[in-house]
Every structure is written in C-alpha cells, then in structure tokens.
Amino acid sequence: MHSNGAPRRRHDAELKATVLADCDEPGASIAAVAQAHGLNANLVHKWRRRRRQQPPAVDAMRTDDQVAEAFVPLQLPAPAAAAIPDIRIELRRGATTINIAWPGQAANECAAWLREWLR
C-alpha cells in the first residue's frame, strides 16, 4: 500500500456547513470557495454530493408547535363521478306541450331520439 505519510485531515461540521453555504451563493465558483478555505475542490464536490443524497435533517431543537418543511406525498381519493343532471326538454306543437326528462348519462340516446322525432 502506498502512502504519502501525511495523515488525513478531519473537518468539523461547522466548516463543512460554511463551505457549502458559500457554494450556494449565486455566482459562486466551487473552486474559488475551496481555495479560499484551503481545501481541494474535489473534496467540496464530494461534500455537495453527499448533502444531495441525504434526506433533509429535522432540527432537533424544533418544538411540537413548529412544522418541518418537507415534501410529503399524499394519496388522494379518486374523484367521485360528477352527477350528470337529467336532460329536460319541452316540446310544443300547436296547442300540445310535452315535457320530457331524460337521464343525463344517456345523452347520446336522447340526441338520437330527438333527431328522429324532429324529422
């Protein structure tokens, strides 16, 4: 095993949070942020990947009155079929008036009947 002899450096969570916050600034360059903190850009990229892969952390100091902001998918019930109102037709021919109520679900049949009747 080949080693350069230098021990690995450990970075505390506060430094990581500061670096990642600096990277999130508009127009920030990852390389420039890493260099400003004396880090390798590849390390900063690795921290960013890990942050994206982790689920959002819930603040341990949160009280029961506070709500954590996160996307929560909900299963919604299927929409109920809209009630189709009855079709009401009033026909007048001379002195005769006929009132017809046709079920709304059978609108096609009503249209066919009406076409035949009007011939």
PDB file of N, CA and C in Angstrom:
ATOM      1  N   MET A   1       0.848  -1.180   0.000  1.00  0.00           N
ATOM      2  CA  MET A   1       0.000   0.000   0.000  1.00  0.00           C
ATOM      3  C   MET A   1       0.885   1.231   0.000  1.00  0.00           C
ATOM      4  N   HIS A   2       0.549   2.164  -0.846  1.00  0.00           N
ATOM      5  CA  HIS A   2       1.348   3.372  -0.994  1.00  0.00           C
ATOM      6  C   HIS A   2       0.721   4.504  -0.195  1.00  0.00           C
ATOM      7  N   SER A   3       1.510   5.202   0.573  1.00  0.00           N
ATOM      8  CA  SER A   3       1.004   6.310   1.376  1.00  0.00           C
ATOM      9  C   SER A   3       1.996   7.458   1.295  1.00  0.00           C
ATOM     10  N   ASN A   4       1.472   8.663   1.320  1.00  0.00           N
ATOM     11  CA  ASN A   4       2.369   9.815   1.261  1.00  0.00           C
ATOM     12  C   ASN A   4       2.839  10.220   2.655  1.00  0.00           C
ATOM     13  N   GLY A   5       2.380   9.518   3.676  1.00  0.00           N
ATOM     14  CA  GLY A   5       2.865   9.788   5.020  1.00  0.00           C
ATOM     15  C   GLY A   5       2.079  10.832   5.782  1.00  0.00           C
ATOM     16  N   ALA A   6       1.325  11.680   5.092  1.00  0.00           N
ATOM     17  CA  ALA A   6       0.555  12.717   5.778  1.00  0.00           C
ATOM     18  C   ALA A   6      -0.784  12.138   6.235  1.00  0.00           C
ATOM     19  N   PRO A   7      -1.155  12.363   7.489  1.00  0.00           N
ATOM     20  CA  PRO A   7      -2.446  11.844   7.965  1.00  0.00           C
ATOM     21  C   PRO A   7      -3.602  12.617   7.310  1.00  0.00           C
ATOM     22  N   ARG A   8      -4.733  11.943   7.217  1.00  0.00           N
ATOM     23  CA  ARG A   8      -5.910  12.603   6.652  1.00  0.00           C
ATOM     24  C   ARG A   8      -6.392  13.695   7.591  1.00  0.00           C
ATOM     25  N   ARG A   9      -6.765  14.797   6.993  1.00  0.00           N
ATOM     26  CA  ARG A   9      -7.318  15.884   7.805  1.00  0.00           C
ATOM     27  C   ARG A   9      -8.795  15.636   8.036  1.00  0.00           C
ATOM     28  N   ARG A  10      -9.268  15.990   9.193  1.00  0.00           N
ATOM     29  CA  ARG A  10     -10.694  15.898   9.531  1.00  0.00           C
ATOM     30  C   ARG A  10     -11.243  17.322   9.597  1.00  0.00           C
ATOM     31  N   HIS A  11     -12.404  17.509   9.006  1.00  0.00           N
ATOM     32  CA  HIS A  11     -13.026  18.836   9.001  1.00  0.00           C
ATOM     33  C   HIS A  11     -14.320  18.764   9.792  1.00  0.00           C
ATOM     34  N   ASP A  12     -14.491  19.724  10.684  1.00  0.00           N
ATOM     35  CA  ASP A  12     -15.684  19.695  11.516  1.00  0.00           C
ATOM     36  C   ASP A  12     -16.928  20.123  10.728  1.00  0.00           C
ATOM     37  N   ALA A  13     -18.080  19.818  11.287  1.00  0.00           N
ATOM     38  CA  ALA A  13     -19.364  20.077  10.630  1.00  0.00           C
ATOM     39  C   ALA A  13     -19.572  21.575  10.382  1.00  0.00           C
ATOM     40  N   GLU A  14     -19.038  22.403  11.268  1.00  0.00           N
ATOM     41  CA  GLU A  14     -19.204  23.855  11.109  1.00  0.00           C
ATOM     42  C   GLU A  14     -18.483  24.351   9.855  1.00  0.00           C
ATOM     43  N   LEU A  15     -17.262  23.871   9.615  1.00  0.00           N
ATOM     44  CA  LEU A  15     -16.524  24.263   8.414  1.00  0.00           C
ATOM     45  C   LEU A  15     -17.249  23.781   7.168  1.00  0.00           C
ATOM     46  N   LYS A  16     -17.722  22.527   7.194  1.00  0.00           N
ATOM     47  CA  LYS A  16     -18.447  21.986   6.046  1.00  0.00           C
ATOM     48  C   LYS A  16     -19.687  22.819   5.751  1.00  0.00           C
ATOM     49  N   ALA A  17     -20.421  23.174   6.796  1.00  0.00           N
ATOM     50  CA  ALA A  17     -21.633  23.973   6.618  1.00  0.00           C
ATOM     51  C   ALA A  17     -21.299  25.343   6.034  1.00  0.00           C
ATOM     52  N   THR A  18     -20.217  25.946   6.506  1.00  0.00           N
ATOM     53  CA  THR A  18     -19.804  27.258   5.987  1.00  0.00           C
ATOM     54  C   THR A  18     -19.414  27.165   4.520  1.00  0.00           C
ATOM     55  N   VAL A  19     -18.626  26.150   4.175  1.00  0.00           N
ATOM     56  CA  VAL A  19     -18.175  25.975   2.791  1.00  0.00           C
ATOM     57  C   VAL A  19     -19.375  25.724   1.884  1.00  0.00           C
ATOM     58  N   LEU A  20     -20.284  24.850   2.305  1.00  0.00           N
ATOM     59  CA  LEU A  20     -21.451  24.540   1.481  1.00  0.00           C
ATOM     60  C   LEU A  20     -22.370  25.749   1.329  1.00  0.00           C
ATOM     61  N   ALA A  21     -22.491  26.550   2.370  1.00  0.00           N
ATOM     62  CA  ALA A  21     -23.299  27.770   2.279  1.00  0.00           C
ATOM     63  C   ALA A  21     -22.657  28.752   1.296  1.00  0.00           C
ATOM     64  N   ASP A  22     -21.325  28.860   1.329  1.00  0.00           N
ATOM     65  CA  ASP A  22     -20.624  29.742   0.386  1.00  0.00           C
ATOM     66  C   ASP A  22     -20.828  29.255  -1.053  1.00  0.00           C
ATOM     67  N   CYS A  23     -20.851  27.938  -1.248  1.00  0.00           N
ATOM     68  CA  CYS A  23     -21.051  27.380  -2.595  1.00  0.00           C
ATOM     69  C   CYS A  23     -22.456  27.656  -3.115  1.00  0.00           C
ATOM     70  N   ASP A  24     -23.428  27.796  -2.207  1.00  0.00           N
ATOM     71  CA  ASP A  24     -24.817  28.027  -2.605  1.00  0.00           C
ATOM     72  C   ASP A  24     -25.094  29.478  -2.982  1.00  0.00           C
ATOM     73  N   GLU A  25     -24.144  30.347  -2.723  1.00  0.00           N
ATOM     74  CA  GLU A  25     -24.334  31.756  -3.088  1.00  0.00           C
ATOM     75  C   GLU A  25     -24.409  31.894  -4.606  1.00  0.00           C
ATOM     76  N   PRO A  26     -25.261  32.803  -5.111  1.00  0.00           N
ATOM     77  CA  PRO A  26     -25.360  33.000  -6.565  1.00  0.00           C
ATOM     78  C   PRO A  26     -24.014  33.398  -7.164  1.00  0.00           C
ATOM     79  N   GLY A  27     -23.640  32.731  -8.235  1.00  0.00           N
ATOM     80  CA  GLY A  27     -22.404  33.048  -8.944  1.00  0.00           C
ATOM     81  C   GLY A  27     -21.143  32.515  -8.287  1.00  0.00           C
ATOM     82  N   ALA A  28     -21.298  31.712  -7.225  1.00  0.00           N
ATOM     83  CA  ALA A  28     -20.121  31.193  -6.522  1.00  0.00           C
ATOM     84  C   ALA A  28     -19.439  30.108  -7.354  1.00  0.00           C
ATOM     85  N   SER A  29     -18.126  30.107  -7.340  1.00  0.00           N
ATOM     86  CA  SER A  29     -17.329  29.082  -8.002  1.00  0.00           C
ATOM     87  C   SER A  29     -16.871  28.096  -6.942  1.00  0.00           C
ATOM     88  N   ILE A  30     -17.125  26.817  -7.188  1.00  0.00           N
ATOM     89  CA  ILE A  30     -16.729  25.788  -6.217  1.00  0.00           C
ATOM     90  C   ILE A  30     -15.219  25.825  -6.004  1.00  0.00           C
ATOM     91  N   ALA A  31     -14.479  25.970  -7.092  1.00  0.00           N
ATOM     92  CA  ALA A  31     -13.016  26.002  -6.995  1.00  0.00           C
ATOM     93  C   ALA A  31     -12.545  27.194  -6.168  1.00  0.00           C
ATOM     94  N   ALA A  32     -13.167  28.344  -6.385  1.00  0.00           N
ATOM     95  CA  ALA A  32     -12.761  29.550  -5.649  1.00  0.00           C
ATOM     96  C   ALA A  32     -13.101  29.424  -4.162  1.00  0.00           C
ATOM     97  N   VAL A  33     -14.267  28.868  -3.855  1.00  0.00           N
ATOM     98  CA  VAL A  33     -14.661  28.683  -2.452  1.00  0.00           C
ATOM     99  C   VAL A  33     -13.695  27.707  -1.777  1.00  0.00           C
ATOM    100  N   ALA A  34     -13.394  26.599  -2.467  1.00  0.00           N
ATOM    101  CA  ALA A  34     -12.474  25.615  -1.901  1.00  0.00           C
ATOM    102  C   ALA A  34     -11.108  26.230  -1.640  1.00  0.00           C
ATOM    103  N   GLN A  35     -10.617  26.984  -2.600  1.00  0.00           N
ATOM    104  CA  GLN A  35      -9.303  27.608  -2.458  1.00  0.00           C
ATOM    105  C   GLN A  35      -9.302  28.617  -1.309  1.00  0.00           C
ATOM    106  N   ALA A  36     -10.390  29.365  -1.155  1.00  0.00           N
ATOM    107  CA  ALA A  36     -10.462  30.361  -0.081  1.00  0.00           C
ATOM    108  C   ALA A  36     -10.403  29.702   1.300  1.00  0.00           C
ATOM    109  N   HIS A  37     -10.858  28.455   1.385  1.00  0.00           N
ATOM    110  CA  HIS A  37     -10.846  27.749   2.666  1.00  0.00           C
ATOM    111  C   HIS A  37      -9.675  26.770   2.772  1.00  0.00           C
ATOM    112  N   GLY A  38      -8.784  26.777   1.777  1.00  0.00           N
ATOM    113  CA  GLY A  38      -7.611  25.900   1.809  1.00  0.00           C
ATOM    114  C   GLY A  38      -7.969  24.438   1.585  1.00  0.00           C
ATOM    115  N   LEU A  39      -8.995  24.192   0.763  1.00  0.00           N
ATOM    116  CA  LEU A  39      -9.447  22.827   0.502  1.00  0.00           C
ATOM    117  C   LEU A  39      -9.296  22.483  -0.966  1.00  0.00           C
ATOM    118  N   ASN A  40      -9.346  21.196  -1.266  1.00  0.00           N
ATOM    119  CA  ASN A  40      -9.331  20.737  -2.639  1.00  0.00           C
ATOM    120  C   ASN A  40     -10.761  20.800  -3.174  1.00  0.00           C
ATOM    121  N   ALA A  41     -10.947  21.262  -4.397  1.00  0.00           N
ATOM    122  CA  ALA A  41     -12.279  21.393  -4.982  1.00  0.00           C
ATOM    123  C   ALA A  41     -12.990  20.045  -5.063  1.00  0.00           C
ATOM    124  N   ASN A  42     -12.237  18.962  -5.300  1.00  0.00           N
ATOM    125  CA  ASN A  42     -12.864  17.639  -5.360  1.00  0.00           C
ATOM    126  C   ASN A  42     -13.517  17.260  -4.028  1.00  0.00           C
ATOM    127  N   LEU A  43     -12.896  17.662  -2.921  1.00  0.00           N
ATOM    128  CA  LEU A  43     -13.462  17.392  -1.608  1.00  0.00           C
ATOM    129  C   LEU A  43     -14.781  18.138  -1.429  1.00  0.00           C
ATOM    130  N   VAL A  44     -14.809  19.387  -1.869  1.00  0.00           N
ATOM    131  CA  VAL A  44     -16.027  20.191  -1.747  1.00  0.00           C
ATOM    132  C   VAL A  44     -17.131  19.590  -2.621  1.00  0.00           C
ATOM    133  N   HIS A  45     -16.788  19.146  -3.822  1.00  0.00           N
ATOM    134  CA  HIS A  45     -17.774  18.487  -4.682  1.00  0.00           C
ATOM    135  C   HIS A  45     -18.329  17.237  -4.005  1.00  0.00           C
ATOM    136  N   LYS A  46     -17.471  16.488  -3.323  1.00  0.00           N
ATOM    137  CA  LYS A  46     -17.898  15.278  -2.614  1.00  0.00           C
ATOM    138  C   LYS A  46     -18.878  15.634  -1.496  1.00  0.00           C
ATOM    139  N   TRP A  47     -18.589  16.696  -0.750  1.00  0.00           N
ATOM    140  CA  TRP A  47     -19.496  17.140   0.304  1.00  0.00           C
ATOM    141  C   TRP A  47     -20.853  17.522  -0.277  1.00  0.00           C
ATOM    142  N   ARG A  48     -20.825  18.194  -1.422  1.00  0.00           N
ATOM    143  CA  ARG A  48     -22.089  18.608  -2.059  1.00  0.00           C
ATOM    144  C   ARG A  48     -22.902  17.392  -2.510  1.00  0.00           C
ATOM    145  N   ARG A  49     -22.238  16.379  -3.073  1.00  0.00           N
ATOM    146  CA  ARG A  49     -22.936  15.160  -3.497  1.00  0.00           C
ATOM    147  C   ARG A  49     -23.571  14.460  -2.295  1.00  0.00           C
ATOM    148  N   ARG A  50     -22.822  14.353  -1.229  1.00  0.00           N
ATOM    149  CA  ARG A  50     -23.343  13.698  -0.022  1.00  0.00           C
ATOM    150  C   ARG A  50     -24.551  14.446   0.534  1.00  0.00           C
ATOM    151  N   ARG A  51     -24.486  15.766   0.491  1.00  0.00           N
ATOM    152  CA  ARG A  51     -25.611  16.568   1.002  1.00  0.00           C
ATOM    153  C   ARG A  51     -26.865  16.311   0.168  1.00  0.00           C
ATOM    154  N   ARG A  52     -26.710  16.196  -1.164  1.00  0.00           N
ATOM    155  CA  ARG A  52     -27.861  15.950  -2.042  1.00  0.00           C
ATOM    156  C   ARG A  52     -28.450  14.565  -1.795  1.00  0.00           C
ATOM    157  N   GLN A  53     -27.609  13.599  -1.423  1.00  0.00           N
ATOM    158  CA  GLN A  53     -28.063  12.223  -1.232  1.00  0.00           C
ATOM    159  C   GLN A  53     -28.733  12.008   0.120  1.00  0.00           C
ATOM    160  N   GLN A  54     -28.459  12.877   1.074  1.00  0.00           N
ATOM    161  CA  GLN A  54     -29.026  12.703   2.409  1.00  0.00           C
ATOM    162  C   GLN A  54     -30.422  13.300   2.472  1.00  0.00           C
ATOM    163  N   PRO A  55     -31.345  12.657   3.201  1.00  0.00           N
ATOM    164  CA  PRO A  55     -32.663  13.258   3.386  1.00  0.00           C
ATOM    165  C   PRO A  55     -32.524  14.516   4.224  1.00  0.00           C
ATOM    166  N   PRO A  56     -33.437  15.469   4.060  1.00  0.00           N
ATOM    167  CA  PRO A  56     -33.332  16.700   4.841  1.00  0.00           C
ATOM    168  C   PRO A  56     -33.401  16.399   6.336  1.00  0.00           C
ATOM    169  N   ALA A  57     -32.492  16.998   7.065  1.00  0.00           N
ATOM    170  CA  ALA A  57     -32.434  16.779   8.514  1.00  0.00           C
ATOM    171  C   ALA A  57     -33.510  17.594   9.204  1.00  0.00           C
ATOM    172  N   VAL A  58     -34.127  17.007  10.219  1.00  0.00           N
ATOM    173  CA  VAL A  58     -35.113  17.712  11.023  1.00  0.00           C
ATOM    174  C   VAL A  58     -34.370  18.315  12.198  1.00  0.00           C
ATOM    175  N   ASP A  59     -34.623  19.586  12.455  1.00  0.00           N
ATOM    176  CA  ASP A  59     -33.949  20.297  13.531  1.00  0.00           C
ATOM    177  C   ASP A  59     -34.319  19.676  14.873  1.00  0.00           C
ATOM    178  N   ALA A  60     -33.306  19.269  15.639  1.00  0.00           N
ATOM    179  CA  ALA A  60     -33.537  18.629  16.930  1.00  0.00           C
ATOM    180  C   ALA A  60     -34.131  19.604  17.935  1.00  0.00           C
ATOM    181  N   MET A  61     -33.962  20.902  17.729  1.00  0.00           N
ATOM    182  CA  MET A  61     -34.472  21.903  18.648  1.00  0.00           C
ATOM    183  C   MET A  61     -35.923  22.280  18.339  1.00  0.00           C
ATOM    184  N   ARG A  62     -36.517  21.661  17.362  1.00  0.00           N
ATOM    185  CA  ARG A  62     -37.874  22.001  16.933  1.00  0.00           C
ATOM    186  C   ARG A  62     -38.871  21.626  18.025  1.00  0.00           C
ATOM    187  N   THR A  63     -39.832  22.502  18.268  1.00  0.00           N
ATOM    188  CA  THR A  63     -40.882  22.198  19.237  1.00  0.00           C
ATOM    189  C   THR A  63     -42.058  21.580  18.503  1.00  0.00           C
ATOM    190  N   ASP A  64     -42.997  21.033  19.255  1.00  0.00           N
ATOM    191  CA  ASP A  64     -44.161  20.389  18.640  1.00  0.00           C
ATOM    192  C   ASP A  64     -45.045  21.386  17.906  1.00  0.00           C
ATOM    193  N   ASP A  65     -44.950  22.672  18.256  1.00  0.00           N
ATOM    194  CA  ASP A  65     -45.768  23.684  17.599  1.00  0.00           C
ATOM    195  C   ASP A  65     -45.223  24.064  16.230  1.00  0.00           C
ATOM    196  N   GLN A  66     -43.979  23.724  15.957  1.00  0.00           N
ATOM    197  CA  GLN A  66     -43.368  24.066  14.676  1.00  0.00           C
ATOM    198  C   GLN A  66     -43.515  22.891  13.724  1.00  0.00           C
ATOM    199  N   VAL A  67     -43.565  23.205  12.453  1.00  0.00           N
ATOM    200  CA  VAL A  67     -43.716  22.175  11.436  1.00  0.00           C
ATOM    201  C   VAL A  67     -42.482  22.173  10.554  1.00  0.00           C
ATOM    202  N   ALA A  68     -41.892  21.003  10.344  1.00  0.00           N
ATOM    203  CA  ALA A  68     -40.736  20.892   9.459  1.00  0.00           C
ATOM    204  C   ALA A  68     -41.227  21.008   8.024  1.00  0.00           C
ATOM    205  N   GLU A  69     -40.511  21.779   7.213  1.00  0.00           N
ATOM    206  CA  GLU A  69     -40.888  21.948   5.820  1.00  0.00           C
ATOM    207  C   GLU A  69     -40.246  20.851   4.997  1.00  0.00           C
ATOM    208  N   ALA A  70     -41.071  20.037   4.376  1.00  0.00           N
ATOM    209  CA  ALA A  70     -40.590  18.970   3.510  1.00  0.00           C
ATOM    210  C   ALA A  70     -41.741  18.542   2.614  1.00  0.00           C
ATOM    211  N   PHE A  71     -41.412  18.002   1.457  1.00  0.00           N
ATOM    212  CA  PHE A  71     -42.434  17.490   0.559  1.00  0.00           C
ATOM    213  C   PHE A  71     -42.924  16.154   1.088  1.00  0.00           C
ATOM    214  N   VAL A  72     -44.210  16.034   1.271  1.00  0.00           N
ATOM    215  CA  VAL A  72     -44.801  14.797   1.743  1.00  0.00           C
ATOM    216  C   VAL A  72     -45.861  14.384   0.728  1.00  0.00           C
ATOM    217  N   PRO A  73     -45.654  13.280  -0.001  1.00  0.00           N
ATOM    218  CA  PRO A  73     -46.665  12.868  -0.978  1.00  0.00           C
ATOM    219  C   PRO A  73     -47.906  12.340  -0.269  1.00  0.00           C
ATOM    220  N   LEU A  74     -49.049  12.705  -0.767  1.00  0.00           N
ATOM    221  CA  LEU A  74     -50.307  12.255  -0.193  1.00  0.00           C
ATOM    222  C   LEU A  74     -51.074  11.423  -1.208  1.00  0.00           C
ATOM    223  N   GLN A  75     -51.721  10.383  -0.734  1.00  0.00           N
ATOM    224  CA  GLN A  75     -52.583   9.575  -1.593  1.00  0.00           C
ATOM    225  C   GLN A  75     -53.966  10.205  -1.533  1.00  0.00           C
ATOM    226  N   LEU A  76     -54.421  10.743  -2.662  1.00  0.00           N
ATOM    227  CA  LEU A  76     -55.726  11.374  -2.709  1.00  0.00           C
ATOM    228  C   LEU A  76     -56.761  10.375  -3.203  1.00  0.00           C
ATOM    229  N   PRO A  77     -57.987  10.479  -2.678  1.00  0.00           N
ATOM    230  CA  PRO A  77     -59.024   9.571  -3.163  1.00  0.00           C
ATOM    231  C   PRO A  77     -59.383   9.902  -4.603  1.00  0.00           C
ATOM    232  N   ALA A  78     -59.824   8.886  -5.317  1.00  0.00           N
ATOM    233  CA  ALA A  78     -60.232   9.099  -6.703  1.00  0.00           C
ATOM    234  C   ALA A  78     -61.429  10.043  -6.714  1.00  0.00           C
ATOM    235  N   PRO A  79     -61.454  10.974  -7.668  1.00  0.00           N
ATOM    236  CA  PRO A  79     -62.582  11.909  -7.711  1.00  0.00           C
ATOM    237  C   PRO A  79     -63.884  11.154  -7.993  1.00  0.00           C
ATOM    238  N   ALA A  80     -64.914  11.545  -7.280  1.00  0.00           N
ATOM    239  CA  ALA A  80     -66.215  10.918  -7.474  1.00  0.00           C
ATOM    240  C   ALA A  80     -66.770  11.351  -8.830  1.00  0.00           C
ATOM    241  N   ALA A  81     -67.455  10.425  -9.463  1.00  0.00           N
ATOM    242  CA  ALA A  81     -68.057  10.754 -10.764  1.00  0.00           C
ATOM    243  C   ALA A  81     -69.064  11.872 -10.553  1.00  0.00           C
ATOM    244  N   ALA A  82     -68.917  12.907 -11.355  1.00  0.00           N
ATOM    245  CA  ALA A  82     -69.810  14.045 -11.230  1.00  0.00           C
ATOM    246  C   ALA A  82     -71.221  13.606 -11.615  1.00  0.00           C
ATOM    247  N   ALA A  83     -72.161  13.996 -10.804  1.00  0.00           N
ATOM    248  CA  ALA A  83     -73.554  13.657 -11.095  1.00  0.00           C
ATOM    249  C   ALA A  83     -73.998  14.475 -12.304  1.00  0.00           C
ATOM    250  N   ILE A  84     -74.447  13.766 -13.324  1.00  0.00           N
ATOM    251  CA  ILE A  84     -74.907  14.441 -14.539  1.00  0.00           C
ATOM    252  C   ILE A  84     -76.405  14.682 -14.372  1.00  0.00           C
ATOM    253  N   PRO A  85     -76.822  15.937 -14.450  1.00  0.00           N
ATOM    254  CA  PRO A  85     -78.252  16.219 -14.253  1.00  0.00           C
ATOM    255  C   PRO A  85     -79.080  15.659 -15.412  1.00  0.00           C
ATOM    256  N   ASP A  86     -80.340  15.444 -15.127  1.00  0.00           N
ATOM    257  CA  ASP A  86     -81.257  14.967 -16.161  1.00  0.00           C
ATOM    258  C   ASP A  86     -81.402  16.007 -17.259  1.00  0.00           C
ATOM    259  N   ILE A  87     -81.665  15.524 -18.450  1.00  0.00           N
ATOM    260  CA  ILE A  87     -81.923  16.402 -19.594  1.00  0.00           C
ATOM    261  C   ILE A  87     -83.420  16.676 -19.598  1.00  0.00           C
ATOM    262  N   ARG A  88     -83.783  17.937 -19.631  1.00  0.00           N
ATOM    263  CA  ARG A  88     -85.203  18.316 -19.624  1.00  0.00           C
ATOM    264  C   ARG A  88     -85.507  19.001 -20.951  1.00  0.00           C
ATOM    265  N   ILE A  89     -86.513  18.482 -21.614  1.00  0.00           N
ATOM    266  CA  ILE A  89     -86.913  19.009 -22.925  1.00  0.00           C
ATOM    267  C   ILE A  89     -88.406  19.342 -22.882  1.00  0.00           C
ATOM    268  N   GLU A  90     -88.728  20.505 -23.395  1.00  0.00           N
ATOM    269  CA  GLU A  90     -90.139  20.889 -23.527  1.00  0.00           C
ATOM    270  C   GLU A  90     -90.431  21.048 -25.011  1.00  0.00           C
ATOM    271  N   LEU A  91     -91.369  20.252 -25.522  1.00  0.00           N
ATOM    272  CA  LEU A  91     -91.738  20.280 -26.939  1.00  0.00           C
ATOM    273  C   LEU A  91     -93.148  20.843 -27.080  1.00  0.00           C
ATOM    274  N   ARG A  92     -93.316  21.752 -28.020  1.00  0.00           N
ATOM    275  CA  ARG A  92     -94.637  22.324 -28.293  1.00  0.00           C
ATOM    276  C   ARG A  92     -94.960  22.140 -29.766  1.00  0.00           C
ATOM    277  N   ARG A  93     -96.124  21.635 -30.014  1.00  0.00           N
ATOM    278  CA  ARG A  93     -96.610  21.509 -31.377  1.00  0.00           C
ATOM    279  C   ARG A  93     -98.088  21.895 -31.335  1.00  0.00           C
ATOM    280  N   GLY A  94     -98.348  23.064 -31.879  1.00  0.00           N
ATOM    281  CA  GLY A  94     -99.726  23.590 -31.820  1.00  0.00           C
ATOM    282  C   GLY A  94    -100.085  23.876 -30.376  1.00  0.00           C
ATOM    283  N   ALA A  95    -101.219  23.329 -29.950  1.00  0.00           N
ATOM    284  CA  ALA A  95    -101.689  23.546 -28.586  1.00  0.00           C
ATOM    285  C   ALA A  95    -101.156  22.483 -27.624  1.00  0.00           C
ATOM    286  N   THR A  96    -100.380  21.552 -28.135  1.00  0.00           N
ATOM    287  CA  THR A  96     -99.883  20.451 -27.306  1.00  0.00           C
ATOM    288  C   THR A  96     -98.463  20.738 -26.816  1.00  0.00           C
ATOM    289  N   THR A  97     -98.224  20.517 -25.527  1.00  0.00           N
ATOM    290  CA  THR A  97     -96.893  20.675 -24.915  1.00  0.00           C
ATOM    291  C   THR A  97     -96.513  19.360 -24.246  1.00  0.00           C
ATOM    292  N   ILE A  98     -95.312  18.911 -24.524  1.00  0.00           N
ATOM    293  CA  ILE A  98     -94.802  17.684 -23.914  1.00  0.00           C
ATOM    294  C   ILE A  98     -93.516  18.028 -23.164  1.00  0.00           C
ATOM    295  N   ASN A  99     -93.410  17.617 -21.898  1.00  0.00           N
ATOM    296  CA  ASN A  99     -92.204  17.771 -21.095  1.00  0.00           C
ATOM    297  C   ASN A  99     -91.546  16.406 -20.954  1.00  0.00           C
ATOM    298  N   ILE A 100     -90.253  16.338 -21.290  1.00  0.00           N
ATOM    299  CA  ILE A 100     -89.518  15.076 -21.245  1.00  0.00           C
ATOM    300  C   ILE A 100     -88.313  15.252 -20.319  1.00  0.00           C
ATOM    301  N   ALA A 101     -88.120  14.289 -19.443  1.00  0.00           N
ATOM    302  CA  ALA A 101     -86.922  14.241 -18.592  1.00  0.00           C
ATOM    303  C   ALA A 101     -86.149  12.987 -18.994  1.00  0.00           C
ATOM    304  N   TRP A 102     -84.887  13.176 -19.431  1.00  0.00           N
ATOM    305  CA  TRP A 102     -84.060  12.065 -19.913  1.00  0.00           C
ATOM    306  C   TRP A 102     -82.835  11.977 -19.005  1.00  0.00           C
ATOM    307  N   PRO A 103     -82.418  10.773 -18.636  1.00  0.00           N
ATOM    308  CA  PRO A 103     -81.224  10.669 -17.774  1.00  0.00           C
ATOM    309  C   PRO A 103     -80.000  11.276 -18.458  1.00  0.00           C
ATOM    310  N   GLY A 104     -79.246  12.054 -17.740  1.00  0.00           N
ATOM    311  CA  GLY A 104     -78.066  12.714 -18.295  1.00  0.00           C
ATOM    312  C   GLY A 104     -77.009  11.743 -18.779  1.00  0.00           C
ATOM    313  N   GLN A 105     -76.915  10.562 -18.160  1.00  0.00           N
ATOM    314  CA  GLN A 105     -75.928   9.575 -18.581  1.00  0.00           C
ATOM    315  C   GLN A 105     -76.242   9.029 -19.972  1.00  0.00           C
ATOM    316  N   ALA A 106     -77.466   9.176 -20.436  1.00  0.00           N
ATOM    317  CA  ALA A 106     -77.877   8.653 -21.739  1.00  0.00           C
ATOM    318  C   ALA A 106     -78.075   9.795 -22.734  1.00  0.00           C
ATOM    319  N   ALA A 107     -77.181  10.772 -22.719  1.00  0.00           N
ATOM    320  CA  ALA A 107     -77.328  11.948 -23.581  1.00  0.00           C
ATOM    321  C   ALA A 107     -77.273  11.578 -25.060  1.00  0.00           C
ATOM    322  N   ASN A 108     -76.428  10.610 -25.438  1.00  0.00           N
ATOM    323  CA  ASN A 108     -76.338  10.211 -26.843  1.00  0.00           C
ATOM    324  C   ASN A 108     -77.661   9.629 -27.335  1.00  0.00           C
ATOM    325  N   GLU A 109     -78.292   8.791 -26.516  1.00  0.00           N
ATOM    326  CA  GLU A 109     -79.574   8.207 -26.893  1.00  0.00           C
ATOM    327  C   GLU A 109     -80.644   9.286 -27.012  1.00  0.00           C
ATOM    328  N   CYS A 110     -80.577  10.266 -26.105  1.00  0.00           N
ATOM    329  CA  CYS A 110     -81.532  11.373 -26.158  1.00  0.00           C
ATOM    330  C   CYS A 110     -81.370  12.157 -27.457  1.00  0.00           C
ATOM    331  N   ALA A 111     -80.141  12.413 -27.855  1.00  0.00           N
ATOM    332  CA  ALA A 111     -79.890  13.157 -29.091  1.00  0.00           C
ATOM    333  C   ALA A 111     -80.395  12.383 -30.297  1.00  0.00           C
ATOM    334  N   ALA A 112     -80.172  11.061 -30.329  1.00  0.00           N
ATOM    335  CA  ALA A 112     -80.647  10.235 -31.444  1.00  0.00           C
ATOM    336  C   ALA A 112     -82.174  10.244 -31.495  1.00  0.00           C
ATOM    337  N   TRP A 113     -82.813  10.100 -30.354  1.00  0.00           N
ATOM    338  CA  TRP A 113     -84.276  10.123 -30.302  1.00  0.00           C
ATOM    339  C   TRP A 113     -84.823  11.455 -30.795  1.00  0.00           C
ATOM    340  N   LEU A 114     -84.198  12.537 -30.325  1.00  0.00           N
ATOM    341  CA  LEU A 114     -84.663  13.870 -30.702  1.00  0.00           C
ATOM    342  C   LEU A 114     -84.501  14.111 -32.200  1.00  0.00           C
ATOM    343  N   ARG A 115     -83.388  13.652 -32.789  1.00  0.00           N
ATOM    344  CA  ARG A 115     -83.203  13.781 -34.249  1.00  0.00           C
ATOM    345  C   ARG A 115     -84.318  13.060 -35.013  1.00  0.00           C
ATOM    346  N   GLU A 116     -84.628  11.855 -34.570  1.00  0.00           N
ATOM    347  CA  GLU A 116     -85.692  11.079 -35.224  1.00  0.00           C
ATOM    348  C   GLU A 116     -87.038  11.769 -35.069  1.00  0.00           C
ATOM    349  N   TRP A 117     -87.297  12.282 -33.906  1.00  0.00           N
ATOM    350  CA  TRP A 117     -88.594  12.902 -33.640  1.00  0.00           C
ATOM    351  C   TRP A 117     -88.786  14.176 -34.444  1.00  0.00           C
ATOM    352  N   LEU A 118     -87.705  14.931 -34.656  1.00  0.00           N
ATOM    353  CA  LEU A 118     -87.797  16.187 -35.376  1.00  0.00           C
ATOM    354  C   LEU A 118     -87.874  16.022 -36.889  1.00  0.00           C
ATOM    355  N   ARG A 119     -87.734  14.838 -37.453  1.00  0.00           N
ATOM    356  CA  ARG A 119     -87.810  14.631 -38.903  1.00  0.00           C
ATOM    357  C   ARG A 119     -89.157  14.891 -39.452  1.00  0.00           C
TER     358      ARG A 119
END
